[in-house]
Amino acid sequence: MARRTGDFEHYNSGRTGQRIRDPYIPLKGFPEPTICPVCGAVYHKKRWTFDEALLKEYKKNKDVQYHKCPADKKIEDRYAMGKVILTGSFVDDHFDELMNVIKGEEKRAKENNPLDRLILVEKRDGGIYAETTSDALAMRIGHHLKEAYKCNEEEFDFRLGDKFVEIKWNRES
């Protein structure tokens, strides 16, 4: 049974008129043209994208700037905006399958938004522990697990006043 804890209201902050911002994204954005020297994402029309043609075009521009994208800065600082914790005997029995689900969700998410990435994913305390650069990726992983696998217990903990979610998923075989 899914259970939500914490204050969910802040996650849908549009109702209160206040928008919670990502502290790694500058208010004024980035200059254009900008390339992330780590992952090769380009900042174009006020958003980061993976676009090979645009990357080649930007590299020819003498005015191009190089700045780490927010995802690579978060990975470097290990600044997680989402955590996913999977526990239970089912995790041990289906470890590789669940790791593939997590990595597959990251791959699909970053096709739409290069800032949705895994910081780390590892076996920990007999389960799986993952940190993400965005709350959106953690939520995506949590919802996929909920739909694909029934679990004994699931929690979505939202931290008040911050764009952070911790998802705890437990299933016994």
C-alpha atoms as a PDB file:
ATOM      1  CA  MET A   1       0.000   0.000   0.000  1.00  0.00           C
ATOM      2  CA  ALA A   2       1.392   3.400  -0.955  1.00  0.00           C
ATOM      3  CA  ARG A   3       1.746   5.898   1.837  1.00  0.00           C
ATOM      4  CA  ARG A   4       2.704   9.542   1.589  1.00  0.00           C
ATOM      5  CA  THR A   5       4.375  11.200   4.506  1.00  0.00           C
ATOM      6  CA  GLY A   6       5.589  14.709   5.104  1.00  0.00           C
ATOM      7  CA  ASP A   7       3.976  17.790   3.626  1.00  0.00           C
ATOM      8  CA  PHE A   8       2.891  17.032   0.053  1.00  0.00           C
ATOM      9  CA  GLU A   9       1.360  20.497  -0.433  1.00  0.00           C
ATOM     10  CA  HIS A  10       4.710  22.153  -1.101  1.00  0.00           C
ATOM     11  CA  TYR A  11       5.422  19.798  -4.031  1.00  0.00           C
ATOM     12  CA  ASN A  12       2.428  21.226  -5.905  1.00  0.00           C
ATOM     13  CA  SER A  13       3.420  24.733  -4.900  1.00  0.00           C
ATOM     14  CA  GLY A  14       1.655  26.335  -7.876  1.00  0.00           C
ATOM     15  CA  ARG A  15      -1.483  26.363  -5.750  1.00  0.00           C
ATOM     16  CA  THR A  16       0.191  28.559  -3.148  1.00  0.00           C
ATOM     17  CA  GLY A  17       1.719  30.901  -5.710  1.00  0.00           C
ATOM     18  CA  GLN A  18       5.252  30.132  -4.562  1.00  0.00           C
ATOM     19  CA  ARG A  19       7.591  28.222  -6.801  1.00  0.00           C
ATOM     20  CA  ILE A  20      10.369  26.193  -5.273  1.00  0.00           C
ATOM     21  CA  ARG A  21      13.544  26.620  -7.302  1.00  0.00           C
ATOM     22  CA  ASP A  22      16.472  24.408  -7.983  1.00  0.00           C
ATOM     23  CA  PRO A  23      19.463  26.120  -6.310  1.00  0.00           C
ATOM     24  CA  TYR A  24      21.797  24.940  -9.090  1.00  0.00           C
ATOM     25  CA  ILE A  25      19.928  26.786 -11.838  1.00  0.00           C
ATOM     26  CA  PRO A  26      20.801  30.501 -11.948  1.00  0.00           C
ATOM     27  CA  LEU A  27      17.881  32.922 -12.025  1.00  0.00           C
ATOM     28  CA  LYS A  28      19.125  34.501 -15.263  1.00  0.00           C
ATOM     29  CA  GLY A  29      19.946  31.191 -16.907  1.00  0.00           C
ATOM     30  CA  PHE A  30      23.134  30.644 -18.849  1.00  0.00           C
ATOM     31  CA  PRO A  31      24.584  32.644 -21.750  1.00  0.00           C
ATOM     32  CA  GLU A  32      23.953  31.283 -25.233  1.00  0.00           C
ATOM     33  CA  PRO A  33      25.775  29.544 -26.786  1.00  0.00           C
ATOM     34  CA  THR A  34      26.940  27.372 -23.856  1.00  0.00           C
ATOM     35  CA  ILE A  35      28.250  23.794 -23.860  1.00  0.00           C
ATOM     36  CA  CYS A  36      28.686  21.580 -20.815  1.00  0.00           C
ATOM     37  CA  PRO A  37      32.298  20.348 -21.025  1.00  0.00           C
ATOM     38  CA  VAL A  38      31.466  17.211 -19.025  1.00  0.00           C
ATOM     39  CA  CYS A  39      28.423  15.692 -20.755  1.00  0.00           C
ATOM     40  CA  GLY A  40      28.217  17.676 -24.015  1.00  0.00           C
ATOM     41  CA  ALA A  41      24.750  19.082 -23.364  1.00  0.00           C
ATOM     42  CA  VAL A  42      24.052  22.448 -24.970  1.00  0.00           C
ATOM     43  CA  TYR A  43      22.109  25.333 -23.483  1.00  0.00           C
ATOM     44  CA  HIS A  44      19.703  26.478 -26.193  1.00  0.00           C
ATOM     45  CA  LYS A  45      16.523  28.554 -25.929  1.00  0.00           C
ATOM     46  CA  LYS A  46      16.762  28.630 -22.129  1.00  0.00           C
ATOM     47  CA  ARG A  47      17.037  24.871 -21.630  1.00  0.00           C
ATOM     48  CA  TRP A  48      19.660  22.142 -21.694  1.00  0.00           C
ATOM     49  CA  THR A  49      19.450  19.541 -24.451  1.00  0.00           C
ATOM     50  CA  PHE A  50      21.432  16.697 -25.984  1.00  0.00           C
ATOM     51  CA  ASP A  51      21.528  17.614 -29.677  1.00  0.00           C
ATOM     52  CA  GLU A  52      24.510  16.446 -31.748  1.00  0.00           C
ATOM     53  CA  ALA A  53      23.859  18.856 -34.646  1.00  0.00           C
ATOM     54  CA  LEU A  54      23.534  21.821 -32.309  1.00  0.00           C
ATOM     55  CA  LEU A  55      26.653  20.735 -30.422  1.00  0.00           C
ATOM     56  CA  LYS A  56      28.675  20.727 -33.670  1.00  0.00           C
ATOM     57  CA  GLU A  57      27.265  24.141 -34.585  1.00  0.00           C
ATOM     58  CA  TYR A  58      28.061  25.593 -31.142  1.00  0.00           C
ATOM     59  CA  LYS A  59      31.633  24.246 -31.222  1.00  0.00           C
ATOM     60  CA  LYS A  60      32.264  26.284 -34.414  1.00  0.00           C
ATOM     61  CA  ASN A  61      31.052  29.499 -32.733  1.00  0.00           C
ATOM     62  CA  LYS A  62      33.939  31.632 -31.450  1.00  0.00           C
ATOM     63  CA  ASP A  63      31.689  33.094 -28.746  1.00  0.00           C
ATOM     64  CA  VAL A  64      30.757  29.715 -27.251  1.00  0.00           C
ATOM     65  CA  GLN A  65      31.108  29.442 -23.489  1.00  0.00           C
ATOM     66  CA  TYR A  66      31.720  26.351 -21.427  1.00  0.00           C
ATOM     67  CA  HIS A  67      29.886  25.887 -18.131  1.00  0.00           C
ATOM     68  CA  LYS A  68      29.082  22.693 -16.299  1.00  0.00           C
ATOM     69  CA  CYS A  69      25.380  21.972 -16.538  1.00  0.00           C
ATOM     70  CA  PRO A  70      23.452  21.853 -13.246  1.00  0.00           C
ATOM     71  CA  ALA A  71      23.299  18.030 -13.350  1.00  0.00           C
ATOM     72  CA  ASP A  72      27.077  17.658 -13.616  1.00  0.00           C
ATOM     73  CA  LYS A  73      27.576  20.208 -10.820  1.00  0.00           C
ATOM     74  CA  LYS A  74      25.180  18.233  -8.601  1.00  0.00           C
ATOM     75  CA  ILE A  75      26.967  14.967  -9.434  1.00  0.00           C
ATOM     76  CA  GLU A  76      30.328  16.586  -8.597  1.00  0.00           C
ATOM     77  CA  ASP A  77      28.966  18.035  -5.313  1.00  0.00           C
ATOM     78  CA  ARG A  78      26.867  14.909  -4.650  1.00  0.00           C
ATOM     79  CA  TYR A  79      23.863  17.159  -4.149  1.00  0.00           C
ATOM     80  CA  ALA A  80      20.857  14.850  -4.344  1.00  0.00           C
ATOM     81  CA  MET A  81      17.335  16.130  -4.922  1.00  0.00           C
ATOM     82  CA  GLY A  82      15.911  12.627  -4.773  1.00  0.00           C
ATOM     83  CA  LYS A  83      16.673   9.351  -3.052  1.00  0.00           C
ATOM     84  CA  VAL A  84      15.238   5.938  -3.829  1.00  0.00           C
ATOM     85  CA  ILE A  85      15.682   3.139  -1.294  1.00  0.00           C
ATOM     86  CA  LEU A  86      14.587  -0.399  -2.190  1.00  0.00           C
ATOM     87  CA  THR A  87      14.525  -3.057   0.525  1.00  0.00           C
ATOM     88  CA  GLY A  88      13.205  -6.557   1.115  1.00  0.00           C
ATOM     89  CA  SER A  89      14.025 -10.077  -0.007  1.00  0.00           C
ATOM     90  CA  PHE A  90      12.476  -9.376  -3.437  1.00  0.00           C
ATOM     91  CA  VAL A  91      15.268  -6.862  -4.108  1.00  0.00           C
ATOM     92  CA  ASP A  92      17.963  -9.449  -3.484  1.00  0.00           C
ATOM     93  CA  ASP A  93      16.162 -12.020  -5.643  1.00  0.00           C
ATOM     94  CA  HIS A  94      15.653  -9.517  -8.516  1.00  0.00           C
ATOM     95  CA  PHE A  95      18.672  -7.250  -8.046  1.00  0.00           C
ATOM     96  CA  ASP A  96      19.831  -7.061 -11.688  1.00  0.00           C
ATOM     97  CA  GLU A  97      16.295  -6.564 -12.967  1.00  0.00           C
ATOM     98  CA  LEU A  98      15.625  -3.695 -10.542  1.00  0.00           C
ATOM     99  CA  MET A  99      18.987  -2.056 -11.338  1.00  0.00           C
ATOM    100  CA  ASN A 100      18.041  -2.195 -15.027  1.00  0.00           C
ATOM    101  CA  VAL A 101      14.683  -0.556 -14.252  1.00  0.00           C
ATOM    102  CA  ILE A 102      16.396   2.309 -12.410  1.00  0.00           C
ATOM    103  CA  LYS A 103      19.015   2.842 -15.137  1.00  0.00           C
ATOM    104  CA  GLY A 104      16.378   2.523 -17.858  1.00  0.00           C
ATOM    105  CA  GLU A 105      14.229   5.209 -16.239  1.00  0.00           C
ATOM    106  CA  GLU A 106      17.264   7.504 -16.093  1.00  0.00           C
ATOM    107  CA  LYS A 107      17.957   6.901 -19.785  1.00  0.00           C
ATOM    108  CA  ARG A 108      14.354   7.690 -20.781  1.00  0.00           C
ATOM    109  CA  ALA A 109      14.149  10.727 -18.495  1.00  0.00           C
ATOM    110  CA  LYS A 110      17.344  12.358 -19.727  1.00  0.00           C
ATOM    111  CA  GLU A 111      16.170  12.097 -23.351  1.00  0.00           C
ATOM    112  CA  ASN A 112      13.592  14.743 -22.388  1.00  0.00           C
ATOM    113  CA  ASN A 113      15.677  16.552 -19.813  1.00  0.00           C
ATOM    114  CA  PRO A 114      19.478  16.121 -19.604  1.00  0.00           C
ATOM    115  CA  LEU A 115      19.329  17.405 -16.018  1.00  0.00           C
ATOM    116  CA  ASP A 116      17.538  14.233 -14.829  1.00  0.00           C
ATOM    117  CA  ARG A 117      20.416  11.923 -13.879  1.00  0.00           C
ATOM    118  CA  LEU A 118      21.560   9.371 -11.375  1.00  0.00           C
ATOM    119  CA  ILE A 119      24.263  10.560  -9.010  1.00  0.00           C
ATOM    120  CA  LEU A 120      24.841   7.025  -7.801  1.00  0.00           C
ATOM    121  CA  VAL A 121      23.089   3.694  -7.616  1.00  0.00           C
ATOM    122  CA  GLU A 122      24.519   0.907  -5.493  1.00  0.00           C
ATOM    123  CA  LYS A 123      23.818  -2.161  -3.433  1.00  0.00           C
ATOM    124  CA  ARG A 124      23.516  -1.090   0.192  1.00  0.00           C
ATOM    125  CA  ASP A 125      22.383  -2.968   3.299  1.00  0.00           C
ATOM    126  CA  GLY A 126      20.955  -5.813   1.211  1.00  0.00           C
ATOM    127  CA  GLY A 127      18.916  -3.432  -0.941  1.00  0.00           C
ATOM    128  CA  ILE A 128      19.385  -0.772  -3.591  1.00  0.00           C
ATOM    129  CA  TYR A 129      20.176   2.860  -2.826  1.00  0.00           C
ATOM    130  CA  ALA A 130      20.026   5.549  -5.518  1.00  0.00           C
ATOM    131  CA  GLU A 131      20.482   9.326  -5.507  1.00  0.00           C
ATOM    132  CA  THR A 132      19.152  11.518  -8.306  1.00  0.00           C
ATOM    133  CA  THR A 133      19.843  15.054  -9.504  1.00  0.00           C
ATOM    134  CA  SER A 134      16.129  15.860  -9.584  1.00  0.00           C
ATOM    135  CA  ASP A 135      13.033  15.083  -7.605  1.00  0.00           C
ATOM    136  CA  ALA A 136      11.330  14.332 -10.930  1.00  0.00           C
ATOM    137  CA  LEU A 137      13.640  11.390 -11.722  1.00  0.00           C
ATOM    138  CA  ALA A 138      13.194   9.895  -8.247  1.00  0.00           C
ATOM    139  CA  MET A 139       9.413  10.209  -8.635  1.00  0.00           C
ATOM    140  CA  ARG A 140       9.590   8.636 -12.090  1.00  0.00           C
ATOM    141  CA  ILE A 141      11.522   5.655 -10.715  1.00  0.00           C
ATOM    142  CA  GLY A 142       9.135   5.311  -7.773  1.00  0.00           C
ATOM    143  CA  HIS A 143       6.046   5.398  -9.975  1.00  0.00           C
ATOM    144  CA  HIS A 144       7.522   2.868 -12.410  1.00  0.00           C
ATOM    145  CA  LEU A 145       8.309   0.469  -9.555  1.00  0.00           C
ATOM    146  CA  LYS A 146       4.815   0.943  -8.151  1.00  0.00           C
ATOM    147  CA  GLU A 147       3.221   0.120 -11.520  1.00  0.00           C
ATOM    148  CA  ALA A 148       5.540  -2.756 -12.463  1.00  0.00           C
ATOM    149  CA  TYR A 149       5.893  -4.502  -9.088  1.00  0.00           C
ATOM    150  CA  LYS A 150       3.503  -4.759  -6.207  1.00  0.00           C
ATOM    151  CA  CYS A 151       5.180  -3.918  -2.944  1.00  0.00           C
ATOM    152  CA  ASN A 152       4.460  -4.390   0.734  1.00  0.00           C
ATOM    153  CA  GLU A 153       5.199  -0.787   1.623  1.00  0.00           C
ATOM    154  CA  GLU A 154       5.964   2.410  -0.272  1.00  0.00           C
ATOM    155  CA  GLU A 155       6.559   5.919   1.046  1.00  0.00           C
ATOM    156  CA  PHE A 156       7.036   9.214  -0.766  1.00  0.00           C
ATOM    157  CA  ASP A 157       8.565  11.678   1.706  1.00  0.00           C
ATOM    158  CA  PHE A 158       8.636  15.295   0.532  1.00  0.00           C
ATOM    159  CA  ARG A 159      10.774  17.774   2.433  1.00  0.00           C
ATOM    160  CA  LEU A 160       8.957  21.001   3.264  1.00  0.00           C
ATOM    161  CA  GLY A 161      10.339  24.058   1.459  1.00  0.00           C
ATOM    162  CA  ASP A 162      12.734  22.106  -0.722  1.00  0.00           C
ATOM    163  CA  LYS A 163      12.615  20.242  -4.038  1.00  0.00           C
ATOM    164  CA  PHE A 164      13.568  16.919  -2.509  1.00  0.00           C
ATOM    165  CA  VAL A 165      11.835  13.560  -2.310  1.00  0.00           C
ATOM    166  CA  GLU A 166      12.840  10.315  -0.652  1.00  0.00           C
ATOM    167  CA  ILE A 167      11.119   7.175  -1.862  1.00  0.00           C
ATOM    168  CA  LYS A 168      11.192   4.043   0.257  1.00  0.00           C
ATOM    169  CA  TRP A 169      10.027   0.844  -1.424  1.00  0.00           C
ATOM    170  CA  ASN A 170       9.861  -2.536   0.293  1.00  0.00           C
ATOM    171  CA  ARG A 171       8.803  -5.922  -0.982  1.00  0.00           C
ATOM    172  CA  GLU A 172       9.300  -9.370   0.410  1.00  0.00           C
ATOM    173  CA  SER A 173       9.386 -12.331  -2.000  1.00  0.00           C
END
